[in-house]
N, C-alpha and C. Protein backbone atom coordinates (compact mmCIF):
# COMPACT_ATOMS: atom_id res chain seq x y z
N UNK A 1 -20.21 -61.94 7.08
CA UNK A 1 -19.43 -62.03 6.52
C UNK A 1 -18.52 -60.64 7.43
N UNK A 2 -19.26 -59.75 8.60
CA UNK A 2 -19.00 -58.89 8.90
C UNK A 2 -17.30 -59.90 9.76
N UNK A 3 -17.95 -60.98 10.67
CA UNK A 3 -16.19 -61.64 11.59
C UNK A 3 -15.66 -61.55 10.56
N UNK A 4 -15.93 -62.36 9.23
CA UNK A 4 -14.91 -63.39 8.47
C UNK A 4 -13.97 -61.72 7.86
N UNK A 5 -14.12 -60.20 7.59
CA UNK A 5 -13.88 -59.14 6.95
C UNK A 5 -13.28 -59.24 8.31
N UNK A 6 -12.77 -59.11 9.23
CA UNK A 6 -12.05 -58.85 10.24
C UNK A 6 -11.30 -59.55 10.98
N UNK A 7 -11.69 -60.68 11.12
CA UNK A 7 -10.50 -61.82 11.62
C UNK A 7 -9.95 -62.47 10.80
N UNK A 8 -10.25 -62.79 9.57
CA UNK A 8 -9.33 -64.05 8.58
C UNK A 8 -8.81 -63.08 7.59
N UNK A 9 -7.70 -63.30 7.05
CA UNK A 9 -7.10 -63.22 5.75
C UNK A 9 -8.20 -62.11 4.05
N UNK A 10 -8.17 -61.65 3.25
CA UNK A 10 -8.91 -60.94 2.16
C UNK A 10 -8.09 -61.43 0.99
N UNK A 11 -8.66 -62.14 0.71
CA UNK A 11 -7.41 -62.64 -0.43
C UNK A 11 -7.98 -61.69 -1.93
N UNK A 12 -9.21 -61.39 -1.87
CA UNK A 12 -9.66 -60.51 -2.73
C UNK A 12 -9.96 -59.10 -2.04
N UNK A 13 -10.12 -58.26 -2.76
CA UNK A 13 -11.07 -57.06 -2.14
C UNK A 13 -12.54 -57.46 -2.22
N UNK A 14 -13.17 -56.65 -1.82
CA UNK A 14 -14.85 -56.98 -1.13
C UNK A 14 -15.26 -55.55 -0.97
N UNK A 15 -16.69 -55.19 -1.96
CA UNK A 15 -17.50 -54.73 -2.11
C UNK A 15 -18.43 -54.61 -0.92
N UNK A 16 -18.45 -53.73 -0.13
CA UNK A 16 -19.42 -53.54 0.70
C UNK A 16 -20.71 -52.26 -0.07
N UNK A 17 -22.17 -52.23 0.72
CA UNK A 17 -22.98 -51.58 0.05
C UNK A 17 -24.04 -51.05 1.25
N UNK A 18 -24.71 -50.05 1.23
CA UNK A 18 -25.29 -49.14 2.27
C UNK A 18 -26.41 -48.41 1.28
N UNK A 19 -27.19 -48.75 1.95
CA UNK A 19 -28.62 -47.97 1.25
C UNK A 19 -28.39 -46.08 0.98
N UNK A 20 -27.43 -45.58 2.00
CA UNK A 20 -27.48 -44.21 2.52
C UNK A 20 -26.32 -43.74 2.06
N UNK A 21 -24.94 -44.52 1.88
CA UNK A 21 -23.69 -44.29 1.89
C UNK A 21 -23.21 -44.63 0.70
N UNK A 22 -24.09 -45.63 0.01
CA UNK A 22 -23.65 -46.13 -1.71
C UNK A 22 -22.62 -47.50 -1.48
N UNK A 23 -21.50 -47.10 -2.03
CA UNK A 23 -20.98 -48.36 -2.38
C UNK A 23 -19.70 -48.42 -1.59
N UNK A 24 -18.33 -49.13 -0.77
CA UNK A 24 -17.04 -49.00 -0.94
C UNK A 24 -16.44 -50.53 -0.82
N UNK A 25 -15.08 -49.97 -1.10
CA UNK A 25 -14.00 -51.22 -1.75
C UNK A 25 -13.60 -51.45 -0.51
N UNK A 26 -13.63 -52.69 0.33
CA UNK A 26 -12.22 -53.24 1.32
C UNK A 26 -11.19 -53.48 0.64
N UNK A 27 -10.10 -53.03 0.87
CA UNK A 27 -9.20 -53.48 -0.09
C UNK A 27 -8.61 -54.97 -0.01
N UNK A 28 -7.98 -55.80 -0.90
CA UNK A 28 -7.53 -57.08 -0.21
C UNK A 28 -6.62 -56.63 0.64
N UNK A 29 -6.17 -58.05 1.01
CA UNK A 29 -4.61 -58.69 1.80
C UNK A 29 -3.71 -59.36 0.99
N UNK A 30 -4.01 -59.27 -0.26
CA UNK A 30 -2.37 -60.16 -0.99
C UNK A 30 -1.18 -60.21 -0.41
N UNK A 31 -0.92 -58.91 -0.43
CA UNK A 31 0.89 -59.05 -0.14
C UNK A 31 0.88 -60.18 1.22
N UNK A 32 0.06 -59.99 2.36
CA UNK A 32 0.00 -60.80 3.44
C UNK A 32 -0.53 -62.58 3.50
N UNK A 33 1.16 -63.39 3.86
CA UNK A 33 1.17 -64.62 3.49
C UNK A 33 0.90 -65.25 4.50
N UNK A 34 -0.36 -66.30 4.52
CA UNK A 34 -0.86 -66.90 5.98
C UNK A 34 0.40 -67.74 6.56
N UNK A 35 1.64 -68.34 5.47
CA UNK A 35 2.38 -69.09 5.73
C UNK A 35 3.36 -68.16 6.79
N UNK A 36 4.07 -67.51 5.95
CA UNK A 36 4.76 -66.64 6.71
C UNK A 36 4.30 -65.55 7.95
N UNK A 37 2.97 -65.58 7.87
CA UNK A 37 2.46 -64.60 9.06
C UNK A 37 2.74 -65.27 10.45
N UNK A 38 2.04 -66.36 10.26
CA UNK A 38 2.47 -67.05 11.65
C UNK A 38 3.99 -66.65 12.23
N UNK A 39 4.79 -67.09 11.69
CA UNK A 39 6.21 -67.13 11.99
C UNK A 39 6.05 -65.55 12.30
N UNK A 40 6.32 -64.72 12.61
CA UNK A 40 6.14 -63.43 12.14
C UNK A 40 5.51 -62.64 13.74
N UNK A 41 4.35 -63.35 14.07
CA UNK A 41 3.91 -62.70 15.03
C UNK A 41 4.37 -63.11 16.74
N UNK A 42 3.86 -62.23 17.40
CA UNK A 42 4.65 -62.09 18.73
C UNK A 42 3.13 -62.01 19.90
N UNK A 43 2.91 -62.89 20.86
CA UNK A 43 1.80 -62.71 20.97
C UNK A 43 0.77 -62.66 21.09
N UNK A 44 0.13 -63.00 19.31
CA UNK A 44 -1.02 -63.06 19.29
C UNK A 44 -1.33 -64.31 18.16
N UNK A 45 -2.55 -64.36 17.73
CA UNK A 45 -2.67 -65.41 16.82
C UNK A 45 -3.39 -64.65 15.41
N UNK A 46 -2.80 -65.31 14.26
CA UNK A 46 -3.26 -64.81 13.22
C UNK A 46 -4.61 -64.15 13.36
N UNK A 47 -5.98 -64.83 13.92
CA UNK A 47 -7.05 -64.27 13.91
C UNK A 47 -6.71 -62.59 14.70
N UNK A 48 -6.39 -62.60 16.31
CA UNK A 48 -6.68 -61.28 16.52
C UNK A 48 -5.16 -60.82 15.90
N UNK A 49 -4.31 -61.07 15.20
CA UNK A 49 -3.68 -60.15 14.19
C UNK A 49 -4.75 -59.08 13.34
N UNK A 50 -5.18 -59.85 12.33
CA UNK A 50 -6.26 -59.10 11.80
C UNK A 50 -7.49 -58.37 11.99
N UNK A 51 -7.70 -58.76 13.24
CA UNK A 51 -8.79 -58.00 13.94
C UNK A 51 -7.91 -56.71 13.85
N UNK A 52 -6.66 -56.72 14.52
CA UNK A 52 -5.39 -55.85 15.38
C UNK A 52 -5.79 -54.96 13.69
N UNK A 53 -5.26 -55.01 12.57
CA UNK A 53 -5.19 -54.43 11.56
C UNK A 53 -6.71 -53.94 10.98
N UNK A 54 -7.58 -54.92 11.24
CA UNK A 54 -8.56 -54.57 10.73
C UNK A 54 -9.37 -53.27 11.44
N UNK A 55 -9.10 -52.57 12.45
CA UNK A 55 -9.44 -51.56 13.10
C UNK A 55 -8.93 -50.35 12.88
N UNK A 56 -7.88 -50.50 11.88
CA UNK A 56 -7.40 -49.35 11.58
C UNK A 56 -7.51 -49.23 9.99
N UNK A 57 -7.20 -47.44 9.64
CA UNK A 57 -7.56 -46.61 8.70
C UNK A 57 -6.06 -46.57 8.34
N UNK A 58 -5.70 -46.95 6.84
CA UNK A 58 -3.98 -46.73 6.93
C UNK A 58 -3.80 -45.16 5.94
N UNK A 59 -2.39 -44.52 6.01
CA UNK A 59 -1.94 -43.70 5.70
C UNK A 59 -0.33 -44.03 4.86
N UNK A 60 -0.25 -44.03 4.07
CA UNK A 60 1.40 -43.57 3.95
C UNK A 60 1.65 -43.01 4.08
N UNK A 61 2.95 -42.67 5.00
CA UNK A 61 3.84 -41.42 4.80
C UNK A 61 4.47 -41.01 3.99
N UNK A 62 4.90 -41.49 2.96
CA UNK A 62 5.67 -41.30 2.41
C UNK A 62 5.31 -41.72 0.66
N UNK A 63 5.39 -40.89 0.09
CA UNK A 63 4.98 -41.04 -1.41
C UNK A 63 5.60 -42.36 -2.30
N UNK A 64 6.96 -42.64 -1.90
CA UNK A 64 7.38 -44.01 -2.88
C UNK A 64 6.88 -45.28 -2.35
N UNK A 65 6.38 -44.98 -0.46
CA UNK A 65 5.53 -46.17 -0.24
C UNK A 65 4.01 -46.22 -0.98
N UNK A 66 3.35 -45.26 -1.65
CA UNK A 66 2.37 -45.48 -1.95
C UNK A 66 2.53 -45.74 -3.59
N UNK A 67 3.49 -45.30 -4.23
CA UNK A 67 3.97 -45.23 -5.71
C UNK A 67 4.31 -47.12 -5.71
N UNK A 68 5.37 -48.06 -4.64
CA UNK A 68 5.54 -49.01 -4.74
C UNK A 68 4.20 -49.98 -5.18
N UNK A 69 3.19 -49.36 -3.94
CA UNK A 69 1.75 -50.45 -3.61
C UNK A 69 1.33 -50.13 -4.86
N UNK A 70 0.95 -49.67 -5.64
CA UNK A 70 0.46 -49.04 -6.83
C UNK A 70 0.85 -49.51 -7.97
N UNK A 71 2.01 -50.00 -8.24
CA UNK A 71 3.19 -50.57 -9.39
C UNK A 71 3.38 -51.81 -8.78
N UNK A 72 2.76 -52.76 -7.77
CA UNK A 72 2.56 -54.05 -7.95
C UNK A 72 2.39 -54.81 -8.54
N UNK A 73 2.70 -55.94 -9.08
CA UNK A 73 1.59 -56.95 -9.81
C UNK A 73 0.29 -57.03 -9.95
N UNK A 74 -0.12 -57.44 -8.55
CA UNK A 74 -1.52 -57.64 -8.08
C UNK A 74 -2.13 -56.14 -8.36
N UNK A 75 -1.52 -54.70 -8.63
CA UNK A 75 -2.66 -53.81 -8.26
C UNK A 75 -2.21 -52.65 -9.60
N UNK A 76 -1.05 -53.06 -10.57
CA UNK A 76 -1.27 -52.10 -11.86
C UNK A 76 -1.75 -52.67 -12.82
N UNK A 77 -2.13 -51.82 -13.77
CA UNK A 77 -3.23 -51.53 -14.41
C UNK A 77 -4.97 -51.73 -13.77
N UNK A 78 -4.84 -51.21 -13.08
CA UNK A 78 -6.22 -51.38 -12.00
C UNK A 78 -6.02 -49.54 -11.71
N UNK A 79 -7.41 -49.01 -11.55
CA UNK A 79 -7.41 -47.46 -11.47
C UNK A 79 -7.66 -47.50 -9.95
N UNK A 80 -7.07 -46.50 -9.40
CA UNK A 80 -6.92 -46.61 -7.90
C UNK A 80 -7.48 -44.92 -7.35
N UNK A 81 -8.51 -45.07 -6.36
CA UNK A 81 -8.32 -43.67 -5.93
C UNK A 81 -7.54 -43.26 -4.76
N UNK A 82 -6.77 -42.03 -4.66
CA UNK A 82 -6.01 -41.62 -3.85
C UNK A 82 -6.51 -40.60 -3.11
N UNK A 83 -6.68 -40.42 -2.15
CA UNK A 83 -6.69 -39.85 -1.32
C UNK A 83 -5.68 -38.79 -0.19
N UNK A 84 -4.73 -37.74 -0.46
CA UNK A 84 -3.48 -37.16 0.23
C UNK A 84 -4.54 -36.13 1.07
N UNK A 85 -3.83 -36.44 2.33
CA UNK A 85 -4.35 -35.67 3.24
C UNK A 85 -3.41 -34.73 4.45
N UNK A 86 -3.73 -33.88 4.53
CA UNK A 86 -3.19 -32.70 5.59
C UNK A 86 -2.43 -33.58 6.74
N UNK A 87 -1.64 -33.98 7.24
CA UNK A 87 -1.50 -35.11 8.54
C UNK A 87 -1.77 -33.71 9.69
N UNK A 88 -1.39 -32.16 9.86
CA UNK A 88 -1.37 -31.52 10.88
C UNK A 88 -3.12 -31.97 10.69
N UNK A 89 -3.66 -31.36 9.68
CA UNK A 89 -5.31 -31.49 10.45
C UNK A 89 -5.91 -32.70 10.96
N UNK A 90 -5.64 -34.07 10.25
CA UNK A 90 -5.78 -35.34 10.33
C UNK A 90 -5.02 -35.32 12.30
N UNK A 91 -4.22 -34.72 12.39
CA UNK A 91 -4.22 -34.62 13.57
C UNK A 91 -4.37 -34.22 14.63
N UNK A 92 -5.34 -33.17 14.01
CA UNK A 92 -6.32 -32.08 14.74
C UNK A 92 -7.68 -33.03 15.47
N UNK A 93 -7.91 -33.68 14.42
CA UNK A 93 -9.44 -34.46 14.10
C UNK A 93 -9.15 -35.58 15.33
N UNK A 94 -8.02 -36.64 14.84
CA UNK A 94 -8.11 -37.91 15.05
C UNK A 94 -6.61 -38.30 16.04
N UNK A 95 -6.51 -36.79 16.55
CA UNK A 95 -5.14 -37.18 17.37
C UNK A 95 -4.65 -38.10 18.22
N UNK A 96 -6.08 -38.56 19.49
CA UNK A 96 -5.90 -39.64 19.90
C UNK A 96 -5.87 -41.01 19.52
N UNK A 97 -6.42 -40.91 18.36
CA UNK A 97 -6.58 -41.99 17.58
C UNK A 97 -5.34 -42.82 16.98
N UNK A 98 -4.23 -41.83 16.19
CA UNK A 98 -3.48 -41.93 15.62
C UNK A 98 -2.54 -42.71 16.00
N UNK A 99 -2.06 -43.97 15.02
CA UNK A 99 -0.90 -44.83 15.80
C UNK A 99 0.21 -44.66 14.46
N UNK A 100 1.25 -44.74 14.86
CA UNK A 100 2.23 -45.30 13.92
C UNK A 100 2.82 -46.71 14.06
N UNK A 101 3.23 -46.74 12.93
CA UNK A 101 4.10 -48.27 12.59
C UNK A 101 5.68 -48.30 12.05
N UNK A 102 6.06 -48.78 12.78
CA UNK A 102 7.56 -48.84 12.02
C UNK A 102 7.72 -49.65 10.55
N UNK A 103 7.01 -50.37 10.34
CA UNK A 103 6.92 -51.40 9.50
C UNK A 103 5.93 -51.43 8.61
N UNK A 104 5.30 -52.10 7.55
CA UNK A 104 4.04 -51.93 6.24
C UNK A 104 4.05 -53.64 7.14
N UNK A 105 2.61 -53.50 8.13
CA UNK A 105 2.00 -54.26 8.85
C UNK A 105 1.36 -55.31 7.64
N UNK A 106 0.70 -54.97 6.71
CA UNK A 106 0.18 -56.08 5.78
C UNK A 106 0.67 -56.40 4.64
N UNK A 107 2.09 -56.61 4.96
CA UNK A 107 2.93 -57.44 4.06
C UNK A 107 3.29 -58.47 4.86
N UNK A 108 4.04 -59.95 4.32
CA UNK A 108 4.33 -60.34 4.88
C UNK A 108 5.75 -60.65 3.33
N UNK A 109 5.25 -60.43 2.68
CA UNK A 109 6.02 -60.80 1.27
C UNK A 109 7.66 -60.68 1.03
N UNK A 110 8.21 -59.47 1.69
CA UNK A 110 9.51 -59.43 1.66
C UNK A 110 10.31 -59.07 3.38
N UNK A 111 9.36 -58.41 4.09
CA UNK A 111 10.09 -57.96 5.30
C UNK A 111 8.99 -59.22 6.13
N UNK A 112 9.80 -60.05 6.71
CA UNK A 112 9.02 -61.05 7.96
C UNK A 112 9.52 -60.50 9.09
N UNK A 113 8.87 -59.16 9.18
CA UNK A 113 9.28 -58.57 10.31
C UNK A 113 8.20 -58.75 11.79
N UNK A 114 8.56 -59.10 13.02
CA UNK A 114 7.46 -59.15 14.17
C UNK A 114 7.16 -58.11 14.11
N UNK A 115 5.38 -58.60 14.46
CA UNK A 115 4.17 -57.92 14.59
C UNK A 115 3.49 -58.48 15.58
N UNK A 116 3.14 -57.93 16.46
CA UNK A 116 2.22 -58.21 17.53
C UNK A 116 1.28 -56.83 17.84
N UNK A 117 0.61 -56.76 19.20
CA UNK A 117 -0.60 -56.04 19.92
C UNK A 117 0.35 -54.66 20.15
N UNK A 118 1.60 -54.09 20.06
CA UNK A 118 2.65 -53.22 20.34
C UNK A 118 3.00 -52.47 19.23
N UNK A 119 2.76 -53.49 17.80
CA UNK A 119 3.41 -52.51 16.44
C UNK A 119 2.89 -51.15 16.14
N UNK A 120 1.61 -50.86 16.23
CA UNK A 120 0.83 -49.90 16.05
C UNK A 120 1.05 -49.04 17.70
N UNK A 121 2.04 -47.77 17.78
CA UNK A 121 1.99 -46.93 19.19
C UNK A 121 1.22 -45.17 18.36
N UNK A 122 1.05 -44.88 20.31
CA UNK A 122 0.85 -43.25 19.93
C UNK A 122 2.03 -42.85 19.61
N UNK A 123 1.97 -41.31 18.98
CA UNK A 123 2.85 -40.71 18.27
C UNK A 123 4.04 -40.26 19.86
N UNK A 124 3.07 -40.43 21.10
CA UNK A 124 4.06 -40.12 22.47
C UNK A 124 4.85 -40.70 22.40
N UNK A 125 4.47 -42.07 22.17
CA UNK A 125 5.60 -43.73 22.84
C UNK A 125 5.90 -43.97 21.14
N UNK A 126 5.91 -43.37 20.37
CA UNK A 126 6.97 -44.01 19.21
C UNK A 126 8.38 -43.97 19.57
N UNK A 127 8.98 -44.60 19.19
CA UNK A 127 10.44 -44.56 19.24
C UNK A 127 11.36 -44.07 18.05
N UNK A 128 11.02 -42.42 18.01
CA UNK A 128 11.39 -42.00 16.78
C UNK A 128 12.69 -41.65 16.62
N UNK A 129 13.79 -41.32 18.04
CA UNK A 129 15.77 -41.40 18.01
C UNK A 129 16.00 -42.82 17.50
N UNK A 130 15.51 -43.99 17.96
CA UNK A 130 16.14 -44.84 18.00
C UNK A 130 16.47 -45.15 16.25
N UNK A 131 14.71 -45.20 15.81
CA UNK A 131 13.96 -45.99 14.12
C UNK A 131 15.10 -44.75 13.51
N UNK A 132 15.34 -43.37 13.63
CA UNK A 132 15.88 -42.25 12.50
C UNK A 132 17.33 -43.46 12.75
N UNK A 133 17.95 -43.43 14.25
CA UNK A 133 19.13 -43.57 14.01
C UNK A 133 20.07 -45.29 13.62
N UNK A 134 18.85 -46.37 12.85
CA UNK A 134 18.94 -47.14 12.55
C UNK A 134 18.42 -47.31 10.76
N UNK A 135 17.63 -46.34 10.81
CA UNK A 135 16.55 -46.91 9.63
C UNK A 135 16.88 -45.25 8.91
N UNK A 136 16.97 -44.21 8.88
CA UNK A 136 17.14 -43.00 8.98
C UNK A 136 16.03 -42.25 8.99
N UNK A 137 15.83 -41.01 8.23
CA UNK A 137 14.60 -39.96 8.14
C UNK A 137 13.81 -40.56 7.43
N UNK A 138 13.95 -40.53 6.36
CA UNK A 138 12.76 -41.23 5.18
C UNK A 138 11.82 -42.65 5.59
N UNK A 139 12.99 -43.56 6.58
CA UNK A 139 12.24 -44.27 7.10
C UNK A 139 12.14 -44.73 8.94
N UNK A 140 11.77 -43.79 9.25
CA UNK A 140 11.64 -43.90 10.43
C UNK A 140 9.86 -44.56 11.16
N UNK A 141 9.12 -44.02 10.00
CA UNK A 141 7.79 -44.22 10.14
C UNK A 141 7.41 -45.29 9.09
N UNK A 142 6.91 -46.53 8.99
CA UNK A 142 6.39 -46.81 7.61
C UNK A 142 4.79 -46.20 7.85
N UNK A 143 3.84 -46.29 8.64
CA UNK A 143 2.31 -46.25 8.54
C UNK A 143 2.27 -45.36 9.29
N UNK A 144 1.17 -44.35 9.20
CA UNK A 144 0.17 -43.74 10.04
C UNK A 144 -1.78 -44.51 9.77
N UNK A 145 -1.46 -44.82 10.73
CA UNK A 145 -2.90 -45.61 11.59
C UNK A 145 -3.82 -44.75 12.01
N UNK A 146 -5.37 -44.75 11.33
CA UNK A 146 -6.37 -44.40 12.64
C UNK A 146 -6.93 -45.14 13.24
N UNK A 147 -7.36 -45.39 14.29
CA UNK A 147 -8.05 -46.15 14.72
C UNK A 147 -9.57 -46.18 14.34
N UNK A 148 -10.29 -47.35 14.05
CA UNK A 148 -11.70 -47.65 13.95
C UNK A 148 -12.01 -46.80 12.47
N UNK A 149 -11.81 -45.73 12.38
CA UNK A 149 -12.44 -44.63 11.56
C UNK A 149 -12.06 -43.45 11.03
N UNK A 150 -12.08 -42.60 9.89
CA UNK A 150 -11.81 -41.08 9.95
C UNK A 150 -13.22 -40.58 9.66
N UNK A 151 -14.33 -40.27 10.69
CA UNK A 151 -15.21 -39.91 9.75
C UNK A 151 -15.56 -39.01 8.84
N UNK A 152 -15.11 -38.04 8.65
CA UNK A 152 -15.17 -36.94 7.60
C UNK A 152 -13.84 -37.09 7.12
N UNK A 153 -12.98 -37.41 6.31
CA UNK A 153 -12.21 -37.59 5.41
C UNK A 153 -12.17 -36.22 5.07
N UNK A 154 -12.73 -35.38 4.18
CA UNK A 154 -13.05 -34.28 3.38
C UNK A 154 -12.59 -32.92 4.23
N UNK A 155 -12.49 -33.58 5.58
CA UNK A 155 -12.04 -32.18 6.50
C UNK A 155 -10.26 -32.33 6.58
N UNK A 156 -9.47 -33.15 5.97
CA UNK A 156 -8.33 -33.14 6.16
C UNK A 156 -7.98 -34.06 4.55
N UNK A 157 -8.54 -33.58 3.68
CA UNK A 157 -8.08 -33.94 2.10
C UNK A 157 -7.80 -32.48 1.64
N UNK A 158 -6.87 -32.95 0.79
CA UNK A 158 -6.29 -31.98 0.00
C UNK A 158 -6.05 -31.93 -1.26
N UNK A 159 -6.38 -33.31 -1.79
CA UNK A 159 -6.30 -34.09 -2.87
C UNK A 159 -6.93 -35.54 -3.05
N UNK A 160 -8.11 -35.50 -4.47
CA UNK A 160 -8.14 -36.40 -4.57
C UNK A 160 -8.00 -36.85 -5.99
N UNK A 161 -7.72 -38.14 -6.44
CA UNK A 161 -7.12 -38.55 -7.78
C UNK A 161 -7.91 -39.98 -8.36
N UNK A 162 -7.88 -39.91 -9.33
CA UNK A 162 -7.75 -41.56 -9.98
C UNK A 162 -6.29 -41.29 -10.75
N UNK A 163 -5.95 -42.53 -9.93
CA UNK A 163 -4.22 -43.19 -10.69
C UNK A 163 -4.70 -44.35 -11.49
N UNK A 164 -3.67 -44.95 -12.46
CA UNK A 164 -3.12 -46.23 -13.38
C UNK A 164 -2.19 -46.03 -13.33
N UNK A 165 -1.42 -46.90 -13.66
CA UNK A 165 0.00 -47.55 -14.33
C UNK A 165 0.91 -46.25 -14.25
N UNK A 166 1.01 -45.51 -12.67
CA UNK A 166 1.98 -43.87 -12.41
C UNK A 166 1.70 -42.82 -13.21
N UNK A 167 0.42 -43.12 -13.27
CA UNK A 167 -0.07 -41.77 -14.18
C UNK A 167 -2.00 -41.10 -13.42
N UNK A 168 -1.38 -39.73 -13.55
CA UNK A 168 -2.92 -39.46 -12.86
C UNK A 168 -4.07 -38.97 -13.84
N UNK A 169 -4.80 -40.20 -13.64
CA UNK A 169 -5.83 -39.92 -14.60
C UNK A 169 -6.89 -38.85 -14.78
N UNK A 170 -7.36 -38.45 -13.76
CA UNK A 170 -8.47 -37.82 -13.35
C UNK A 170 -8.34 -37.18 -11.75
N UNK A 171 -8.68 -36.10 -11.56
CA UNK A 171 -7.94 -35.12 -10.28
C UNK A 171 -9.99 -34.63 -9.84
N UNK A 172 -10.07 -35.18 -9.61
CA UNK A 172 -11.36 -35.64 -8.38
C UNK A 172 -11.44 -34.10 -7.31
N UNK A 173 -10.53 -33.95 -6.57
CA UNK A 173 -10.77 -32.60 -5.69
C UNK A 173 -9.27 -31.99 -5.97
N UNK A 174 -9.33 -31.16 -5.30
CA UNK A 174 -7.85 -30.01 -5.01
C UNK A 174 -8.01 -29.17 -4.49
N UNK A 175 -7.46 -28.74 -3.27
CA UNK A 175 -7.54 -28.08 -2.24
C UNK A 175 -7.04 -27.15 -3.13
N UNK A 176 -8.06 -25.34 -3.04
CA UNK A 176 -7.53 -24.13 -3.56
C UNK A 176 -6.42 -24.03 -2.46
N UNK A 177 -5.14 -23.47 -3.00
CA UNK A 177 -3.92 -23.15 -2.07
C UNK A 177 -4.24 -21.71 -2.28
């Protein structure tokens, strides 16, 4: 199962279980269209692209992108656990592993933008000025990604809640101010 999770399209979410750590859900890749993906790739095969994608943990940098995802037809009506992190703390723990992407790397539905081995860039190498000139401040970065894992997200989490249909159902954790 591990290889297919890492190197192939996941049309549905997959539940994994561990005797010590419990259950985790690996999100589906519904916004990725196989036919469109082939036209977007630069220097990598679809299998290589899925391996690149699946070795990252993703964070939206703009709340509107999160709301768009949660409100998408495939996800509305479902309960989602949303973890809000302090990016400064995340950088402190994961700085060398942080990468930025100028695109929604997991979607080919609307914008079939080129993607490949250089899509995820270190912060020091990211072309902020060029992106701001062409996309504006609110769209210069689409995704923040951490390579491989965030071993202890609790060190960076400032809020965890359950949401459905644009509403917060339950606050699981909220860092004291």
